[in-house]
Amino acid sequence: MTRRDALVRVIDALHAEIAALKANDVVGLERATADKLGWLDQIAALGTGPAGPDLRELADEATRLNETCRIYVNLMAANVRRRLQTLTGEAGGGYRPMLARAYA
């Protein structure tokens, strides 16, 4: 197994993570994340060394995909926060109807 092969597997796992996030597939997300972490451990075990243009390009793609995963997770967290605020009457930036009535 080369660093390049392991990095290609990391990219595959990141694609699987994105697909699982889009589908709200928790089991698939856990599996893809475990795979990704395993391949990252494999890369670390192979050691470091100079990265040629091919390896650098793959690493950049993995970085972009990881950023996409982060954005999906942040959007999901923001949606949950907004729903919780709505349930607690804090929708609209902390608006509380009781306080509004005090000034009416």
PDB file of N, CA and C in Angstrom:
ATOM      1  N   MET A   1       0.858  -1.177   0.000  1.00  0.00           N
ATOM      2  CA  MET A   1       0.000   0.000   0.000  1.00  0.00           C
ATOM      3  C   MET A   1       0.903   1.238   0.000  1.00  0.00           C
ATOM      4  N   THR A   2       0.633   2.147  -0.896  1.00  0.00           N
ATOM      5  CA  THR A   2       1.403   3.389  -0.967  1.00  0.00           C
ATOM      6  C   THR A   2       0.604   4.523  -0.336  1.00  0.00           C
ATOM      7  N   ARG A   3       1.289   5.639  -0.091  1.00  0.00           N
ATOM      8  CA  ARG A   3       0.581   6.814   0.429  1.00  0.00           C
ATOM      9  C   ARG A   3      -0.493   7.256  -0.554  1.00  0.00           C
ATOM     10  N   ARG A   4      -0.191   7.164  -1.841  1.00  0.00           N
ATOM     11  CA  ARG A   4      -1.161   7.556  -2.863  1.00  0.00           C
ATOM     12  C   ARG A   4      -2.414   6.677  -2.776  1.00  0.00           C
ATOM     13  N   ASP A   5      -2.218   5.360  -2.685  1.00  0.00           N
ATOM     14  CA  ASP A   5      -3.362   4.438  -2.592  1.00  0.00           C
ATOM     15  C   ASP A   5      -4.210   4.738  -1.357  1.00  0.00           C
ATOM     16  N   ALA A   6      -3.555   4.951  -0.236  1.00  0.00           N
ATOM     17  CA  ALA A   6      -4.287   5.247   1.000  1.00  0.00           C
ATOM     18  C   ALA A   6      -5.023   6.579   0.895  1.00  0.00           C
ATOM     19  N   LEU A   7      -4.411   7.553   0.246  1.00  0.00           N
ATOM     20  CA  LEU A   7      -5.055   8.854   0.084  1.00  0.00           C
ATOM     21  C   LEU A   7      -6.276   8.757  -0.825  1.00  0.00           C
ATOM     22  N   VAL A   8      -6.205   7.929  -1.852  1.00  0.00           N
ATOM     23  CA  VAL A   8      -7.369   7.689  -2.716  1.00  0.00           C
ATOM     24  C   VAL A   8      -8.493   7.071  -1.888  1.00  0.00           C
ATOM     25  N   ARG A   9      -8.159   6.167  -0.975  1.00  0.00           N
ATOM     26  CA  ARG A   9      -9.172   5.551  -0.103  1.00  0.00           C
ATOM     27  C   ARG A   9      -9.776   6.583   0.857  1.00  0.00           C
ATOM     28  N   VAL A  10      -8.958   7.527   1.335  1.00  0.00           N
ATOM     29  CA  VAL A  10      -9.476   8.612   2.184  1.00  0.00           C
ATOM     30  C   VAL A  10     -10.499   9.418   1.394  1.00  0.00           C
ATOM     31  N   ILE A  11     -10.176   9.727   0.149  1.00  0.00           N
ATOM     32  CA  ILE A  11     -11.093  10.491  -0.703  1.00  0.00           C
ATOM     33  C   ILE A  11     -12.390   9.720  -0.917  1.00  0.00           C
ATOM     34  N   ASP A  12     -12.295   8.434  -1.144  1.00  0.00           N
ATOM     35  CA  ASP A  12     -13.501   7.600  -1.288  1.00  0.00           C
ATOM     36  C   ASP A  12     -14.348   7.661  -0.018  1.00  0.00           C
ATOM     37  N   ALA A  13     -13.693   7.579   1.130  1.00  0.00           N
ATOM     38  CA  ALA A  13     -14.419   7.632   2.408  1.00  0.00           C
ATOM     39  C   ALA A  13     -15.066   9.005   2.609  1.00  0.00           C
ATOM     40  N   LEU A  14     -14.401  10.066   2.186  1.00  0.00           N
ATOM     41  CA  LEU A  14     -14.994  11.408   2.301  1.00  0.00           C
ATOM     42  C   LEU A  14     -16.227  11.534   1.408  1.00  0.00           C
ATOM     43  N   HIS A  15     -16.170  10.972   0.209  1.00  0.00           N
ATOM     44  CA  HIS A  15     -17.366  10.959  -0.652  1.00  0.00           C
ATOM     45  C   HIS A  15     -18.504  10.199   0.036  1.00  0.00           C
ATOM     46  N   ALA A  16     -18.176   9.088   0.680  1.00  0.00           N
ATOM     47  CA  ALA A  16     -19.190   8.306   1.395  1.00  0.00           C
ATOM     48  C   ALA A  16     -19.756   9.096   2.578  1.00  0.00           C
ATOM     49  N   GLU A  17     -18.899   9.847   3.273  1.00  0.00           N
ATOM     50  CA  GLU A  17     -19.386  10.684   4.373  1.00  0.00           C
ATOM     51  C   GLU A  17     -20.372  11.733   3.869  1.00  0.00           C
ATOM     52  N   ILE A  18     -20.037  12.387   2.766  1.00  0.00           N
ATOM     53  CA  ILE A  18     -20.931  13.409   2.210  1.00  0.00           C
ATOM     54  C   ILE A  18     -22.264  12.789   1.819  1.00  0.00           C
ATOM     55  N   ALA A  19     -22.232  11.640   1.166  1.00  0.00           N
ATOM     56  CA  ALA A  19     -23.473  10.959   0.776  1.00  0.00           C
ATOM     57  C   ALA A  19     -24.298  10.598   2.010  1.00  0.00           C
ATOM     58  N   ALA A  20     -23.654  10.125   3.055  1.00  0.00           N
ATOM     59  CA  ALA A  20     -24.363   9.765   4.287  1.00  0.00           C
ATOM     60  C   ALA A  20     -24.956  11.004   4.959  1.00  0.00           C
ATOM     61  N   LEU A  21     -24.218  12.098   4.957  1.00  0.00           N
ATOM     62  CA  LEU A  21     -24.741  13.341   5.542  1.00  0.00           C
ATOM     63  C   LEU A  21     -25.974  13.811   4.774  1.00  0.00           C
ATOM     64  N   LYS A  22     -25.915  13.764   3.461  1.00  0.00           N
ATOM     65  CA  LYS A  22     -27.050  14.194   2.637  1.00  0.00           C
ATOM     66  C   LYS A  22     -28.272  13.321   2.880  1.00  0.00           C
ATOM     67  N   ALA A  23     -28.060  12.032   3.128  1.00  0.00           N
ATOM     68  CA  ALA A  23     -29.162  11.084   3.306  1.00  0.00           C
ATOM     69  C   ALA A  23     -29.579  10.919   4.770  1.00  0.00           C
ATOM     70  N   ASN A  24     -28.898  11.625   5.676  1.00  0.00           N
ATOM     71  CA  ASN A  24     -29.136  11.449   7.117  1.00  0.00           C
ATOM     72  C   ASN A  24     -28.973   9.987   7.520  1.00  0.00           C
ATOM     73  N   ASP A  25     -27.980   9.341   6.953  1.00  0.00           N
ATOM     74  CA  ASP A  25     -27.688   7.926   7.201  1.00  0.00           C
ATOM     75  C   ASP A  25     -26.611   7.833   8.286  1.00  0.00           C
ATOM     76  N   VAL A  26     -27.036   7.676   9.523  1.00  0.00           N
ATOM     77  CA  VAL A  26     -26.107   7.671  10.653  1.00  0.00           C
ATOM     78  C   VAL A  26     -25.160   6.474  10.592  1.00  0.00           C
ATOM     79  N   VAL A  27     -25.681   5.310  10.269  1.00  0.00           N
ATOM     80  CA  VAL A  27     -24.846   4.105  10.185  1.00  0.00           C
ATOM     81  C   VAL A  27     -23.809   4.267   9.074  1.00  0.00           C
ATOM     82  N   GLY A  28     -24.234   4.767   7.928  1.00  0.00           N
ATOM     83  CA  GLY A  28     -23.316   5.002   6.823  1.00  0.00           C
ATOM     84  C   GLY A  28     -22.264   6.035   7.175  1.00  0.00           C
ATOM     85  N   LEU A  29     -22.663   7.067   7.912  1.00  0.00           N
ATOM     86  CA  LEU A  29     -21.723   8.106   8.335  1.00  0.00           C
ATOM     87  C   LEU A  29     -20.683   7.536   9.293  1.00  0.00           C
ATOM     88  N   GLU A  30     -21.134   6.717  10.240  1.00  0.00           N
ATOM     89  CA  GLU A  30     -20.192   6.092  11.178  1.00  0.00           C
ATOM     90  C   GLU A  30     -19.201   5.191  10.450  1.00  0.00           C
ATOM     91  N   ARG A  31     -19.696   4.432   9.500  1.00  0.00           N
ATOM     92  CA  ARG A  31     -18.839   3.520   8.734  1.00  0.00           C
ATOM     93  C   ARG A  31     -17.826   4.310   7.897  1.00  0.00           C
ATOM     94  N   ALA A  32     -18.290   5.344   7.197  1.00  0.00           N
ATOM     95  CA  ALA A  32     -17.401   6.142   6.349  1.00  0.00           C
ATOM     96  C   ALA A  32     -16.350   6.872   7.184  1.00  0.00           C
ATOM     97  N   THR A  33     -16.759   7.373   8.344  1.00  0.00           N
ATOM     98  CA  THR A  33     -15.818   8.076   9.211  1.00  0.00           C
ATOM     99  C   THR A  33     -14.766   7.117   9.756  1.00  0.00           C
ATOM    100  N   ALA A  34     -15.198   5.931  10.162  1.00  0.00           N
ATOM    101  CA  ALA A  34     -14.237   4.932  10.648  1.00  0.00           C
ATOM    102  C   ALA A  34     -13.260   4.534   9.543  1.00  0.00           C
ATOM    103  N   ASP A  35     -13.782   4.369   8.330  1.00  0.00           N
ATOM    104  CA  ASP A  35     -12.909   4.039   7.196  1.00  0.00           C
ATOM    105  C   ASP A  35     -11.898   5.155   6.955  1.00  0.00           C
ATOM    106  N   LYS A  36     -12.380   6.382   6.953  1.00  0.00           N
ATOM    107  CA  LYS A  36     -11.497   7.525   6.719  1.00  0.00           C
ATOM    108  C   LYS A  36     -10.391   7.586   7.765  1.00  0.00           C
ATOM    109  N   LEU A  37     -10.763   7.435   9.018  1.00  0.00           N
ATOM    110  CA  LEU A  37      -9.765   7.500  10.087  1.00  0.00           C
ATOM    111  C   LEU A  37      -8.761   6.349   9.976  1.00  0.00           C
ATOM    112  N   GLY A  38      -9.239   5.171   9.580  1.00  0.00           N
ATOM    113  CA  GLY A  38      -8.341   4.035   9.389  1.00  0.00           C
ATOM    114  C   GLY A  38      -7.329   4.295   8.278  1.00  0.00           C
ATOM    115  N   TRP A  39      -7.797   4.866   7.176  1.00  0.00           N
ATOM    116  CA  TRP A  39      -6.887   5.174   6.071  1.00  0.00           C
ATOM    117  C   TRP A  39      -5.916   6.292   6.441  1.00  0.00           C
ATOM    118  N   LEU A  40      -6.377   7.253   7.230  1.00  0.00           N
ATOM    119  CA  LEU A  40      -5.463   8.302   7.695  1.00  0.00           C
ATOM    120  C   LEU A  40      -4.385   7.715   8.600  1.00  0.00           C
ATOM    121  N   ASP A  41      -4.764   6.751   9.442  1.00  0.00           N
ATOM    122  CA  ASP A  41      -3.764   6.057  10.265  1.00  0.00           C
ATOM    123  C   ASP A  41      -2.769   5.302   9.386  1.00  0.00           C
ATOM    124  N   GLN A  42      -3.268   4.703   8.311  1.00  0.00           N
ATOM    125  CA  GLN A  42      -2.402   3.982   7.380  1.00  0.00           C
ATOM    126  C   GLN A  42      -1.398   4.940   6.736  1.00  0.00           C
ATOM    127  N   ILE A  43      -1.863   6.118   6.346  1.00  0.00           N
ATOM    128  CA  ILE A  43      -0.964   7.119   5.761  1.00  0.00           C
ATOM    129  C   ILE A  43       0.099   7.517   6.772  1.00  0.00           C
ATOM    130  N   ALA A  44      -0.317   7.741   8.012  1.00  0.00           N
ATOM    131  CA  ALA A  44       0.640   8.121   9.062  1.00  0.00           C
ATOM    132  C   ALA A  44       1.670   7.022   9.284  1.00  0.00           C
ATOM    133  N   ALA A  45       1.229   5.766   9.225  1.00  0.00           N
ATOM    134  CA  ALA A  45       2.150   4.643   9.432  1.00  0.00           C
ATOM    135  C   ALA A  45       3.168   4.523   8.295  1.00  0.00           C
ATOM    136  N   LEU A  46       2.790   5.010   7.123  1.00  0.00           N
ATOM    137  CA  LEU A  46       3.706   4.948   5.980  1.00  0.00           C
ATOM    138  C   LEU A  46       4.791   6.020   6.058  1.00  0.00           C
ATOM    139  N   GLY A  47       4.631   6.931   6.989  1.00  0.00           N
ATOM    140  CA  GLY A  47       5.659   7.955   7.187  1.00  0.00           C
ATOM    141  C   GLY A  47       5.472   9.155   6.284  1.00  0.00           C
ATOM    142  N   THR A  48       6.322  10.119   6.503  1.00  0.00           N
ATOM    143  CA  THR A  48       6.262  11.346   5.720  1.00  0.00           C
ATOM    144  C   THR A  48       7.410  11.372   4.731  1.00  0.00           C
ATOM    145  N   GLY A  49       7.312  12.223   3.822  1.00  0.00           N
ATOM    146  CA  GLY A  49       8.348  12.379   2.815  1.00  0.00           C
ATOM    147  C   GLY A  49       7.896  13.399   1.806  1.00  0.00           C
ATOM    148  N   PRO A  50       8.724  13.689   0.860  1.00  0.00           N
ATOM    149  CA  PRO A  50       8.338  14.676  -0.146  1.00  0.00           C
ATOM    150  C   PRO A  50       7.100  14.216  -0.914  1.00  0.00           C
ATOM    151  N   ALA A  51       6.219  15.146  -1.148  1.00  0.00           N
ATOM    152  CA  ALA A  51       5.000  14.849  -1.897  1.00  0.00           C
ATOM    153  C   ALA A  51       5.126  15.453  -3.286  1.00  0.00           C
ATOM    154  N   GLY A  52       4.997  14.613  -4.287  1.00  0.00           N
ATOM    155  CA  GLY A  52       5.036  15.086  -5.660  1.00  0.00           C
ATOM    156  C   GLY A  52       3.725  15.752  -6.026  1.00  0.00           C
ATOM    157  N   PRO A  53       3.643  16.268  -7.236  1.00  0.00           N
ATOM    158  CA  PRO A  53       2.427  16.973  -7.675  1.00  0.00           C
ATOM    159  C   PRO A  53       1.172  16.101  -7.609  1.00  0.00           C
ATOM    160  N   ASP A  54       1.287  14.818  -7.946  1.00  0.00           N
ATOM    161  CA  ASP A  54       0.139  13.914  -7.921  1.00  0.00           C
ATOM    162  C   ASP A  54      -0.398  13.751  -6.496  1.00  0.00           C
ATOM    163  N   LEU A  55       0.503  13.532  -5.560  1.00  0.00           N
ATOM    164  CA  LEU A  55       0.109  13.368  -4.160  1.00  0.00           C
ATOM    165  C   LEU A  55      -0.456  14.669  -3.595  1.00  0.00           C
ATOM    166  N   ARG A  56       0.157  15.788  -3.956  1.00  0.00           N
ATOM    167  CA  ARG A  56      -0.324  17.097  -3.492  1.00  0.00           C
ATOM    168  C   ARG A  56      -1.733  17.361  -4.009  1.00  0.00           C
ATOM    169  N   GLU A  57      -1.987  17.011  -5.275  1.00  0.00           N
ATOM    170  CA  GLU A  57      -3.317  17.202  -5.858  1.00  0.00           C
ATOM    171  C   GLU A  57      -4.369  16.368  -5.121  1.00  0.00           C
ATOM    172  N   LEU A  58      -4.025  15.127  -4.799  1.00  0.00           N
ATOM    173  CA  LEU A  58      -4.953  14.269  -4.050  1.00  0.00           C
ATOM    174  C   LEU A  58      -5.196  14.817  -2.644  1.00  0.00           C
ATOM    175  N   ALA A  59      -4.142  15.302  -2.002  1.00  0.00           N
ATOM    176  CA  ALA A  59      -4.285  15.877  -0.663  1.00  0.00           C
ATOM    177  C   ALA A  59      -5.169  17.116  -0.709  1.00  0.00           C
ATOM    178  N   ASP A  60      -5.024  17.927  -1.743  1.00  0.00           N
ATOM    179  CA  ASP A  60      -5.874  19.118  -1.886  1.00  0.00           C
ATOM    180  C   ASP A  60      -7.336  18.732  -2.091  1.00  0.00           C
ATOM    181  N   GLU A  61      -7.565  17.683  -2.894  1.00  0.00           N
ATOM    182  CA  GLU A  61      -8.941  17.213  -3.089  1.00  0.00           C
ATOM    183  C   GLU A  61      -9.535  16.710  -1.779  1.00  0.00           C
ATOM    184  N   ALA A  62      -8.752  15.955  -1.016  1.00  0.00           N
ATOM    185  CA  ALA A  62      -9.224  15.460   0.283  1.00  0.00           C
ATOM    186  C   ALA A  62      -9.546  16.633   1.212  1.00  0.00           C
ATOM    187  N   THR A  63      -8.734  17.655   1.177  1.00  0.00           N
ATOM    188  CA  THR A  63      -8.975  18.836   2.017  1.00  0.00           C
ATOM    189  C   THR A  63     -10.282  19.516   1.617  1.00  0.00           C
ATOM    190  N   ARG A  64     -10.527  19.661   0.316  1.00  0.00           N
ATOM    191  CA  ARG A  64     -11.779  20.276  -0.151  1.00  0.00           C
ATOM    192  C   ARG A  64     -12.992  19.447   0.266  1.00  0.00           C
ATOM    193  N   LEU A  65     -12.883  18.129   0.125  1.00  0.00           N
ATOM    194  CA  LEU A  65     -13.996  17.266   0.519  1.00  0.00           C
ATOM    195  C   LEU A  65     -14.241  17.322   2.017  1.00  0.00           C
ATOM    196  N   ASN A  66     -13.175  17.368   2.798  1.00  0.00           N
ATOM    197  CA  ASN A  66     -13.321  17.475   4.249  1.00  0.00           C
ATOM    198  C   ASN A  66     -14.003  18.792   4.614  1.00  0.00           C
ATOM    199  N   GLU A  67     -13.670  19.859   3.905  1.00  0.00           N
ATOM    200  CA  GLU A  67     -14.317  21.156   4.141  1.00  0.00           C
ATOM    201  C   GLU A  67     -15.805  21.078   3.793  1.00  0.00           C
ATOM    202  N   THR A  68     -16.136  20.354   2.738  1.00  0.00           N
ATOM    203  CA  THR A  68     -17.545  20.164   2.381  1.00  0.00           C
ATOM    204  C   THR A  68     -18.288  19.432   3.491  1.00  0.00           C
ATOM    205  N   CYS A  69     -17.667  18.405   4.051  1.00  0.00           N
ATOM    206  CA  CYS A  69     -18.274  17.688   5.184  1.00  0.00           C
ATOM    207  C   CYS A  69     -18.497  18.632   6.359  1.00  0.00           C
ATOM    208  N   ARG A  70     -17.514  19.469   6.651  1.00  0.00           N
ATOM    209  CA  ARG A  70     -17.625  20.405   7.763  1.00  0.00           C
ATOM    210  C   ARG A  70     -18.794  21.364   7.542  1.00  0.00           C
ATOM    211  N   ILE A  71     -18.948  21.840   6.313  1.00  0.00           N
ATOM    212  CA  ILE A  71     -20.037  22.762   6.003  1.00  0.00           C
ATOM    213  C   ILE A  71     -21.388  22.081   6.203  1.00  0.00           C
ATOM    214  N   TYR A  72     -21.531  20.843   5.723  1.00  0.00           N
ATOM    215  CA  TYR A  72     -22.782  20.102   5.928  1.00  0.00           C
ATOM    216  C   TYR A  72     -23.099  19.958   7.421  1.00  0.00           C
ATOM    217  N   VAL A  73     -22.109  19.592   8.208  1.00  0.00           N
ATOM    218  CA  VAL A  73     -22.323  19.409   9.644  1.00  0.00           C
ATOM    219  C   VAL A  73     -22.729  20.734  10.284  1.00  0.00           C
ATOM    220  N   ASN A  74     -22.064  21.822   9.920  1.00  0.00           N
ATOM    221  CA  ASN A  74     -22.415  23.121  10.487  1.00  0.00           C
ATOM    222  C   ASN A  74     -23.823  23.557  10.099  1.00  0.00           C
ATOM    223  N   LEU A  75     -24.234  23.284   8.851  1.00  0.00           N
ATOM    224  CA  LEU A  75     -25.594  23.607   8.431  1.00  0.00           C
ATOM    225  C   LEU A  75     -26.620  22.795   9.204  1.00  0.00           C
ATOM    226  N   MET A  76     -26.327  21.514   9.404  1.00  0.00           N
ATOM    227  CA  MET A  76     -27.242  20.672  10.180  1.00  0.00           C
ATOM    228  C   MET A  76     -27.349  21.175  11.613  1.00  0.00           C
ATOM    229  N   ALA A  77     -26.233  21.569  12.210  1.00  0.00           N
ATOM    230  CA  ALA A  77     -26.250  22.085  13.583  1.00  0.00           C
ATOM    231  C   ALA A  77     -27.032  23.387  13.655  1.00  0.00           C
ATOM    232  N   ALA A  78     -26.884  24.236  12.653  1.00  0.00           N
ATOM    233  CA  ALA A  78     -27.628  25.499  12.640  1.00  0.00           C
ATOM    234  C   ALA A  78     -29.129  25.238  12.523  1.00  0.00           C
ATOM    235  N   ASN A  79     -29.512  24.241  11.718  1.00  0.00           N
ATOM    236  CA  ASN A  79     -30.934  23.901  11.598  1.00  0.00           C
ATOM    237  C   ASN A  79     -31.489  23.394  12.919  1.00  0.00           C
ATOM    238  N   VAL A  80     -30.740  22.577  13.613  1.00  0.00           N
ATOM    239  CA  VAL A  80     -31.179  22.068  14.915  1.00  0.00           C
ATOM    240  C   VAL A  80     -31.315  23.223  15.901  1.00  0.00           C
ATOM    241  N   ARG A  81     -30.313  24.114  15.916  1.00  0.00           N
ATOM    242  CA  ARG A  81     -30.370  25.267  16.826  1.00  0.00           C
ATOM    243  C   ARG A  81     -31.611  26.111  16.540  1.00  0.00           C
ATOM    244  N   ARG A  82     -31.898  26.362  15.252  1.00  0.00           N
ATOM    245  CA  ARG A  82     -33.065  27.163  14.881  1.00  0.00           C
ATOM    246  C   ARG A  82     -34.356  26.475  15.320  1.00  0.00           C
ATOM    247  N   ARG A  83     -34.434  25.157  15.153  1.00  0.00           N
ATOM    248  CA  ARG A  83     -35.638  24.428  15.569  1.00  0.00           C
ATOM    249  C   ARG A  83     -35.809  24.482  17.087  1.00  0.00           C
ATOM    250  N   LEU A  84     -34.710  24.332  17.813  1.00  0.00           N
ATOM    251  CA  LEU A  84     -34.789  24.399  19.274  1.00  0.00           C
ATOM    252  C   LEU A  84     -35.201  25.791  19.732  1.00  0.00           C
ATOM    253  N   GLN A  85     -34.700  26.816  19.077  1.00  0.00           N
ATOM    254  CA  GLN A  85     -35.095  28.184  19.425  1.00  0.00           C
ATOM    255  C   GLN A  85     -36.583  28.397  19.165  1.00  0.00           C
ATOM    256  N   THR A  86     -37.077  27.822  18.070  1.00  0.00           N
ATOM    257  CA  THR A  86     -38.502  27.936  17.766  1.00  0.00           C
ATOM    258  C   THR A  86     -39.329  27.241  18.836  1.00  0.00           C
ATOM    259  N   LEU A  87     -38.892  26.068  19.259  1.00  0.00           N
ATOM    260  CA  LEU A  87     -39.632  25.318  20.282  1.00  0.00           C
ATOM    261  C   LEU A  87     -39.653  26.037  21.619  1.00  0.00           C
ATOM    262  N   THR A  88     -38.592  26.782  21.915  1.00  0.00           N
ATOM    263  CA  THR A  88     -38.512  27.462  23.208  1.00  0.00           C
ATOM    264  C   THR A  88     -38.979  28.907  23.132  1.00  0.00           C
ATOM    265  N   GLY A  89     -39.494  29.323  21.965  1.00  0.00           N
ATOM    266  CA  GLY A  89     -39.989  30.688  21.831  1.00  0.00           C
ATOM    267  C   GLY A  89     -38.878  31.704  21.659  1.00  0.00           C
ATOM    268  N   GLU A  90     -37.699  31.259  21.302  1.00  0.00           N
ATOM    269  CA  GLU A  90     -36.582  32.178  21.126  1.00  0.00           C
ATOM    270  C   GLU A  90     -36.252  32.399  19.662  1.00  0.00           C
ATOM    271  N   ALA A  91     -37.174  32.098  18.764  1.00  0.00           N
ATOM    272  CA  ALA A  91     -36.917  32.294  17.336  1.00  0.00           C
ATOM    273  C   ALA A  91     -36.787  33.775  17.039  1.00  0.00           C
ATOM    274  N   GLY A  92     -36.059  34.095  16.009  1.00  0.00           N
ATOM    275  CA  GLY A  92     -35.915  35.501  15.631  1.00  0.00           C
ATOM    276  C   GLY A  92     -34.878  36.220  16.457  1.00  0.00           C
ATOM    277  N   GLY A  93     -33.809  35.538  16.826  1.00  0.00           N
ATOM    278  CA  GLY A  93     -32.722  36.201  17.533  1.00  0.00           C
ATOM    279  C   GLY A  93     -33.023  36.485  18.996  1.00  0.00           C
ATOM    280  N   GLY A  94     -33.734  35.607  19.630  1.00  0.00           N
ATOM    281  CA  GLY A  94     -33.977  35.775  21.057  1.00  0.00           C
ATOM    282  C   GLY A  94     -35.239  36.559  21.388  1.00  0.00           C
ATOM    283  N   TYR A  95     -36.081  36.784  20.409  1.00  0.00           N
ATOM    284  CA  TYR A  95     -37.349  37.491  20.646  1.00  0.00           C
ATOM    285  C   TYR A  95     -38.189  36.713  21.633  1.00  0.00           C
ATOM    286  N   ARG A  96     -38.677  37.406  22.637  1.00  0.00           N
ATOM    287  CA  ARG A  96     -39.562  36.780  23.619  1.00  0.00           C
ATOM    288  C   ARG A  96     -40.853  37.582  23.678  1.00  0.00           C
ATOM    289  N   PRO A  97     -41.960  36.956  23.313  1.00  0.00           N
ATOM    290  CA  PRO A  97     -43.240  37.674  23.275  1.00  0.00           C
ATOM    291  C   PRO A  97     -43.563  38.367  24.587  1.00  0.00           C
ATOM    292  N   MET A  98     -43.198  37.808  25.720  1.00  0.00           N
ATOM    293  CA  MET A  98     -43.513  38.400  27.009  1.00  0.00           C
ATOM    294  C   MET A  98     -42.834  39.758  27.155  1.00  0.00           C
ATOM    295  N   LEU A  99     -41.605  39.886  26.725  1.00  0.00           N
ATOM    296  CA  LEU A  99     -40.899  41.147  26.797  1.00  0.00           C
ATOM    297  C   LEU A  99     -41.514  42.181  25.857  1.00  0.00           C
ATOM    298  N   ALA A 100     -41.970  41.748  24.717  1.00  0.00           N
ATOM    299  CA  ALA A 100     -42.580  42.660  23.754  1.00  0.00           C
ATOM    300  C   ALA A 100     -43.857  43.248  24.333  1.00  0.00           C
ATOM    301  N   ARG A 101     -44.633  42.468  25.073  1.00  0.00           N
ATOM    302  CA  ARG A 101     -45.870  42.948  25.677  1.00  0.00           C
ATOM    303  C   ARG A 101     -45.591  43.984  26.771  1.00  0.00           C
ATOM    304  N   ALA A 102     -44.459  43.889  27.403  1.00  0.00           N
ATOM    305  CA  ALA A 102     -44.126  44.826  28.466  1.00  0.00           C
ATOM    306  C   ALA A 102     -43.972  46.248  27.931  1.00  0.00           C
ATOM    307  N   TYR A 103     -43.621  46.375  26.655  1.00  0.00           N
ATOM    308  CA  TYR A 103     -43.430  47.689  26.077  1.00  0.00           C
ATOM    309  C   TYR A 103     -44.629  48.168  25.271  1.00  0.00           C
ATOM    310  N   ALA A 104     -45.662  47.339  25.150  1.00  0.00           N
ATOM    311  CA  ALA A 104     -46.830  47.705  24.342  1.00  0.00           C
ATOM    312  C   ALA A 104     -47.737  48.665  25.069  1.00  0.00           C
TER     313      ALA A 104
END
